[in-house]
Amino acid sequence: MIELRLLRYLVAVADAGTLAAAARDVHVTQPSLSRQLRALEQRLGFAVFDRSGMRLTLTPAGRSFVHEARDLLRSAQETEAAAQRLASGIPKKITISAPMTTITDMLAPFMAQNLTDRDPHIEFLPVLPAEGFTPLESGADIAIASAPPLERYTTQLLGQIPLFAQFRAGHPWSTRSQIHVRELAQQPLVLLTHAHRTRNLLDTLMNDADATYLSYVECHVPKAAQALAAAGRGVVVLTDLPVFDLVAAPLYNDNGAIKVRIHAAWERNHYAAHDIGRLAQLIRDHYTARLTATSRIGRSAAP
């Protein structure tokens, strides 16, 4: 295996054009540098430099090899920097997995309002709600989900989001401050598919209330479901913030308001656990402010 030191010497000579100048740059005597380059060329089996002129120039094969050497040295430098970050516990990038609704309604606004130049780069990984915290097993640094948290992870409760019934302005419920789950049996509905935990929750709530759906259509994409409700196809039930001029009223049952608990989770032994914990706290504070505003939702002005 070729030592990185020799590749650095090789690139230095290619950049400087002379052994004397390169030797000064890499702090090696000129005779030593010359011997090591000759030995490297012998090992490679081809001449890297054309020595016929006043300056050393790259042969066609040498030009290609130096290009590869630069890439390798750059990769080695990045790997070393990554190792230093791992040792210090300071991440360059944090990947957060979450359902698309959570990303658009909560996390993207959080990033826009709170991220500074000193913070790591935040990358979002959209996942199906049913995936829960499994993305932590495949590269995500933080997973945000409504699934029950697992004991093997460090978790942070971010907040409790109301489950809304949303409908067009002018609907008989437009002046209501809340809707009992049992009343949904009186309306045509637009429901999310069972890939969404809120749909499974709603099925359970309806069953507990001894109620059945009058009629419904299913939709996989929350925003599309809201669009159908805005078009008058029925009342949509979800946790998303209202759009398309929909009016939202929180649902309740005999036990009180119905809310979905949202958790953040990450590996206990994550190298950047401290920074991840701090980020989770900031997200929680943002959630609290957003959910306080959500509790006062009436008509949406969103397009």
Protein backbone atom coordinates (compact mmCIF):
# COMPACT_ATOMS: atom_id res chain seq x y z
CA MET A 1 0.00 0.00 0.00
CA ILE A 2 1.35 3.41 -0.97
CA GLU A 3 1.88 5.78 1.94
CA LEU A 4 -0.06 9.03 1.94
CA ARG A 5 3.21 10.81 2.63
CA LEU A 6 4.56 9.75 -0.76
CA LEU A 7 1.39 10.90 -2.48
CA ARG A 8 1.75 14.30 -0.81
CA TYR A 9 5.33 14.51 -2.12
CA LEU A 10 4.14 13.55 -5.59
CA VAL A 11 1.42 16.23 -5.63
CA ALA A 12 3.86 18.82 -4.26
CA VAL A 13 6.28 18.19 -7.11
CA ALA A 14 3.46 18.30 -9.68
CA ASP A 15 2.35 21.67 -8.28
CA ALA A 16 5.83 23.18 -7.88
CA GLY A 17 7.34 21.94 -11.14
CA THR A 18 10.82 21.46 -9.65
CA LEU A 19 12.30 19.21 -7.00
CA ALA A 20 13.96 22.14 -5.25
CA ALA A 21 10.73 24.06 -4.80
CA ALA A 22 8.75 20.97 -3.78
CA ALA A 23 11.45 19.95 -1.26
CA ARG A 24 11.10 23.32 0.45
CA ASP A 25 7.31 22.98 0.54
CA VAL A 26 7.31 19.53 2.15
CA HIS A 27 10.40 20.15 4.32
CA VAL A 28 12.48 17.32 2.87
CA THR A 29 15.95 17.51 1.35
CA GLN A 30 16.05 17.51 -2.44
CA PRO A 31 18.15 14.30 -2.74
CA SER A 32 15.79 12.46 -0.38
CA LEU A 33 12.74 13.66 -2.31
CA SER A 34 14.30 12.61 -5.63
CA ARG A 35 15.11 9.12 -4.33
CA GLN A 36 11.64 8.60 -2.92
CA LEU A 37 9.96 9.70 -6.15
CA ARG A 38 12.17 7.38 -8.20
CA ALA A 39 11.32 4.50 -5.86
CA LEU A 40 7.61 5.32 -6.16
CA GLU A 41 7.74 5.38 -9.96
CA GLN A 42 9.56 2.06 -9.96
CA ARG A 43 6.87 0.60 -7.73
CA LEU A 44 4.10 2.01 -9.94
CA GLY A 45 5.69 0.62 -13.08
CA PHE A 46 5.52 3.86 -15.08
CA ALA A 47 7.12 7.30 -15.16
CA VAL A 48 5.04 9.98 -13.47
CA PHE A 49 7.30 12.86 -14.56
CA ASP A 50 9.02 13.78 -17.80
CA ARG A 51 12.49 14.97 -16.78
CA SER A 52 13.71 16.02 -20.21
CA GLY A 53 13.13 19.76 -19.75
CA MET A 54 14.08 22.42 -17.25
CA ARG A 55 10.94 21.66 -15.23
CA LEU A 56 9.35 18.37 -14.32
CA THR A 57 6.15 17.83 -16.26
CA LEU A 58 3.59 15.09 -15.88
CA THR A 59 3.43 12.24 -18.36
CA PRO A 60 -0.05 11.26 -19.59
CA ALA A 61 -0.08 8.39 -17.10
CA GLY A 62 1.33 10.66 -14.40
CA ARG A 63 -1.38 13.24 -15.03
CA SER A 64 -4.08 10.63 -14.47
CA PHE A 65 -2.36 9.22 -11.39
CA VAL A 66 -1.86 12.63 -9.76
CA HIS A 67 -5.57 13.32 -10.24
CA GLU A 68 -6.34 10.10 -8.36
CA ALA A 69 -3.76 10.99 -5.71
CA ARG A 70 -5.41 14.37 -5.10
CA ASP A 71 -8.79 12.70 -4.62
CA LEU A 72 -7.30 10.19 -2.20
CA LEU A 73 -5.53 12.89 -0.16
CA ARG A 74 -8.72 14.96 -0.03
CA SER A 75 -10.66 11.92 1.17
CA ALA A 76 -8.02 11.17 3.78
CA GLN A 77 -8.21 14.75 5.04
CA GLU A 78 -12.00 14.57 5.29
CA THR A 79 -11.75 11.23 7.10
CA GLU A 80 -9.29 12.69 9.58
CA ALA A 81 -11.56 15.70 10.16
CA ALA A 82 -14.50 13.35 10.70
CA ALA A 83 -12.49 11.38 13.24
CA GLN A 84 -11.68 14.58 15.10
CA ARG A 85 -15.38 15.51 15.16
CA LEU A 86 -16.25 12.04 16.44
CA ALA A 87 -13.63 12.34 19.18
CA SER A 88 -14.87 15.79 20.18
CA GLY A 89 -18.57 14.88 19.91
CA ILE A 90 -19.23 17.80 17.56
CA PRO A 91 -21.27 16.66 14.51
CA LYS A 92 -20.98 18.24 11.08
CA LYS A 93 -24.45 17.03 10.05
CA ILE A 94 -27.48 15.71 11.91
CA THR A 95 -30.08 13.69 10.04
CA ILE A 96 -33.63 13.83 11.39
CA SER A 97 -36.20 11.29 10.21
CA ALA A 98 -39.87 12.24 10.49
CA PRO A 99 -43.15 12.01 8.57
CA MET A 100 -43.45 14.65 5.86
CA THR A 101 -46.23 16.44 7.75
CA THR A 102 -43.95 16.83 10.78
CA ILE A 103 -41.15 18.15 8.55
CA THR A 104 -43.29 20.73 6.76
CA ASP A 105 -45.45 21.86 9.69
CA MET A 106 -42.91 21.79 12.51
CA LEU A 107 -39.29 21.04 11.65
CA ALA A 108 -38.79 23.26 8.59
CA PRO A 109 -40.18 26.33 10.41
CA PHE A 110 -37.98 25.44 13.39
CA MET A 111 -34.88 25.34 11.18
CA ALA A 112 -35.75 28.62 9.45
CA GLN A 113 -36.21 30.43 12.76
CA ASN A 114 -33.49 28.89 14.92
CA LEU A 115 -30.56 27.53 12.89
CA THR A 116 -27.34 29.54 13.10
CA ASP A 117 -23.97 29.34 11.35
CA ARG A 118 -22.55 27.59 14.42
CA ASP A 119 -25.04 24.72 14.26
CA PRO A 120 -24.53 21.47 12.35
CA HIS A 121 -26.18 21.06 8.96
CA ILE A 122 -29.67 19.60 9.45
CA GLU A 123 -30.85 17.07 6.89
CA PHE A 124 -34.40 15.75 6.88
CA LEU A 125 -35.28 12.17 6.00
CA PRO A 126 -39.00 11.85 5.16
CA VAL A 127 -40.45 8.50 6.27
CA LEU A 128 -43.86 6.89 6.56
CA PRO A 129 -45.46 7.39 9.98
CA ALA A 130 -45.60 3.62 10.43
CA GLU A 131 -41.78 3.46 10.36
CA GLY A 132 -41.62 5.02 13.81
CA PHE A 133 -38.08 4.94 15.18
CA THR A 134 -36.68 2.26 12.83
CA PRO A 135 -34.72 4.86 10.77
CA LEU A 136 -32.32 5.06 13.74
CA GLU A 137 -31.12 1.61 12.68
CA SER A 138 -30.21 2.81 9.19
CA GLY A 139 -28.39 6.10 9.65
CA ALA A 140 -30.77 8.68 11.11
CA ASP A 141 -29.36 10.55 14.11
CA ILE A 142 -32.77 11.55 15.48
CA ALA A 143 -36.16 10.01 14.75
CA ILE A 144 -39.38 11.88 15.45
CA ALA A 145 -42.55 9.82 15.60
CA SER A 146 -45.87 9.29 17.30
CA ALA A 147 -44.96 5.65 17.99
CA PRO A 148 -44.40 4.65 21.63
CA PRO A 149 -40.71 5.27 22.47
CA LEU A 150 -38.44 2.27 22.97
CA GLU A 151 -36.45 1.86 26.18
CA ARG A 152 -33.14 1.36 24.39
CA TYR A 153 -33.24 4.93 23.08
CA THR A 154 -32.92 8.28 24.80
CA THR A 155 -36.23 10.03 24.23
CA GLN A 156 -37.70 13.49 24.56
CA LEU A 157 -41.43 14.24 24.57
CA LEU A 158 -41.84 17.10 22.10
CA GLY A 159 -45.51 17.75 22.63
CA GLN A 160 -49.07 16.55 22.20
CA ILE A 161 -50.78 17.48 18.94
CA PRO A 162 -54.58 17.69 18.77
CA LEU A 163 -56.43 15.39 16.40
CA PHE A 164 -58.55 17.71 14.24
CA ALA A 165 -61.72 17.47 12.25
CA GLN A 166 -61.31 19.90 9.35
CA PHE A 167 -64.04 21.11 7.00
CA ARG A 168 -65.03 23.91 4.66
CA ALA A 169 -66.26 27.26 5.90
CA GLY A 170 -70.04 27.19 6.01
CA HIS A 171 -70.13 23.61 7.26
CA PRO A 172 -72.65 23.11 10.11
CA TRP A 173 -69.70 22.59 12.46
CA SER A 174 -67.98 25.86 11.48
CA THR A 175 -68.88 27.57 14.75
CA ARG A 176 -68.03 24.60 16.98
CA SER A 177 -64.99 24.76 19.26
CA GLN A 178 -64.66 20.97 19.43
CA ILE A 179 -66.24 17.83 17.99
CA HIS A 180 -67.03 14.56 19.77
CA VAL A 181 -65.63 11.53 17.97
CA ARG A 182 -69.08 9.94 17.94
CA GLU A 183 -70.36 12.78 15.75
CA LEU A 184 -68.02 11.73 12.93
CA ALA A 185 -70.43 8.86 12.27
CA GLN A 186 -72.91 11.47 10.97
CA GLN A 187 -70.59 12.84 8.27
CA PRO A 188 -68.94 11.68 5.03
CA LEU A 189 -65.22 11.57 5.81
CA VAL A 190 -61.86 11.85 4.11
CA LEU A 191 -59.51 9.49 5.97
CA LEU A 192 -55.82 8.78 5.74
CA THR A 193 -54.74 5.23 4.98
CA HIS A 194 -53.65 2.80 7.67
CA ALA A 195 -50.01 3.69 6.93
CA HIS A 196 -50.73 6.68 9.18
CA ARG A 197 -50.93 6.16 12.92
CA THR A 198 -53.66 8.78 13.24
CA ARG A 199 -55.95 6.61 11.11
CA ASN A 200 -55.36 3.61 13.36
CA LEU A 201 -55.99 5.82 16.37
CA LEU A 202 -59.24 7.09 14.87
CA ASP A 203 -60.43 3.54 14.16
CA THR A 204 -59.80 2.66 17.80
CA LEU A 205 -61.59 5.78 19.04
CA MET A 206 -64.62 5.08 16.84
CA ASN A 207 -64.73 1.50 18.04
CA ASP A 208 -64.50 2.61 21.68
CA ALA A 209 -67.37 5.04 21.06
CA ASP A 210 -69.41 2.22 19.51
CA ALA A 211 -69.65 4.27 16.33
CA THR A 212 -69.20 3.37 12.66
CA TYR A 213 -68.25 5.43 9.65
CA LEU A 214 -71.18 6.63 7.55
CA SER A 215 -69.06 6.80 4.40
CA TYR A 216 -65.49 7.68 3.61
CA VAL A 217 -62.76 7.91 1.00
CA GLU A 218 -59.13 7.14 1.77
CA CYS A 219 -56.11 9.20 0.84
CA HIS A 220 -52.42 8.45 1.40
CA VAL A 221 -51.14 12.06 1.27
CA PRO A 222 -52.35 14.39 4.07
CA LYS A 223 -52.32 17.56 1.94
CA ALA A 224 -54.31 15.78 -0.77
CA ALA A 225 -56.81 14.66 1.86
CA GLN A 226 -57.18 18.26 2.97
CA ALA A 227 -57.67 19.31 -0.65
CA LEU A 228 -60.52 16.80 -0.96
CA ALA A 229 -62.11 18.22 2.18
CA ALA A 230 -61.75 21.75 0.78
CA ALA A 231 -63.49 20.51 -2.38
CA GLY A 232 -66.43 19.41 -0.28
CA ARG A 233 -65.86 15.65 -0.37
CA GLY A 234 -66.14 15.29 3.40
CA VAL A 235 -64.63 16.07 6.79
CA VAL A 236 -60.93 15.21 7.01
CA VAL A 237 -59.42 13.93 10.26
CA LEU A 238 -55.70 14.43 10.90
CA THR A 239 -53.14 16.28 13.00
CA ASP A 240 -51.88 18.56 10.20
CA LEU A 241 -52.34 22.29 10.47
CA PRO A 242 -55.31 23.41 8.34
CA VAL A 243 -54.76 24.69 4.81
CA PHE A 244 -56.95 25.62 1.82
CA ASP A 245 -59.20 27.79 4.05
CA LEU A 246 -60.32 24.79 6.06
CA VAL A 247 -61.76 25.30 9.52
CA ALA A 248 -60.33 23.03 12.22
CA ALA A 249 -61.95 21.84 15.43
CA PRO A 250 -60.18 19.47 17.85
CA LEU A 251 -61.76 16.10 18.57
CA TYR A 252 -62.64 14.80 22.02
CA ASN A 253 -64.29 11.75 23.53
CA ASP A 254 -65.75 10.88 26.91
CA ASN A 255 -62.25 10.94 28.41
CA GLY A 256 -61.39 14.42 27.18
CA ALA A 257 -59.39 16.00 24.36
CA ILE A 258 -57.71 13.62 21.93
CA LYS A 259 -54.05 14.36 21.39
CA VAL A 260 -51.18 12.52 19.75
CA ARG A 261 -47.92 12.39 21.69
CA ILE A 262 -44.84 13.14 19.59
CA HIS A 263 -41.41 11.92 20.72
CA ALA A 264 -37.85 12.42 19.54
CA ALA A 265 -35.45 9.51 20.06
CA TRP A 266 -31.76 8.85 19.50
CA GLU A 267 -29.14 6.25 20.37
CA ARG A 268 -27.95 6.46 23.98
CA ASN A 269 -24.31 5.99 22.96
CA HIS A 270 -24.41 8.33 19.94
CA TYR A 271 -21.10 10.17 19.67
CA ALA A 272 -22.96 13.51 19.46
CA ALA A 273 -25.55 12.71 22.14
CA HIS A 274 -24.96 16.04 23.89
CA ASP A 275 -25.60 18.12 20.76
CA ILE A 276 -28.54 15.95 19.77
CA GLY A 277 -30.06 16.39 23.22
CA ARG A 278 -29.65 20.15 23.00
CA LEU A 279 -31.26 20.15 19.55
CA ALA A 280 -34.17 18.05 20.83
CA GLN A 281 -34.74 20.57 23.63
CA LEU A 282 -34.84 23.42 21.11
CA ILE A 283 -37.28 21.49 18.92
CA ARG A 284 -39.43 20.83 21.98
CA ASP A 285 -39.52 24.54 22.82
CA HIS A 286 -40.49 25.30 19.21
CA TYR A 287 -43.18 22.60 19.34
CA THR A 288 -44.58 24.13 22.53
CA ALA A 289 -44.90 27.55 20.89
CA ARG A 290 -46.42 26.09 17.72
CA LEU A 291 -48.88 23.93 19.63
CA THR A 292 -49.96 26.90 21.74
CA ALA A 293 -50.76 28.71 18.49
CA THR A 294 -52.45 25.57 17.15
CA SER A 295 -54.83 25.50 20.11
CA ARG A 296 -56.23 28.83 18.86
CA ILE A 297 -56.68 27.71 15.26
CA GLY A 298 -59.83 28.76 13.49
CA ARG A 299 -59.70 29.46 9.79
CA SER A 300 -56.43 28.90 7.93
CA ALA A 301 -55.06 31.51 5.59
CA ALA A 302 -52.59 29.11 4.01
CA PRO A 303 -52.82 28.67 0.24
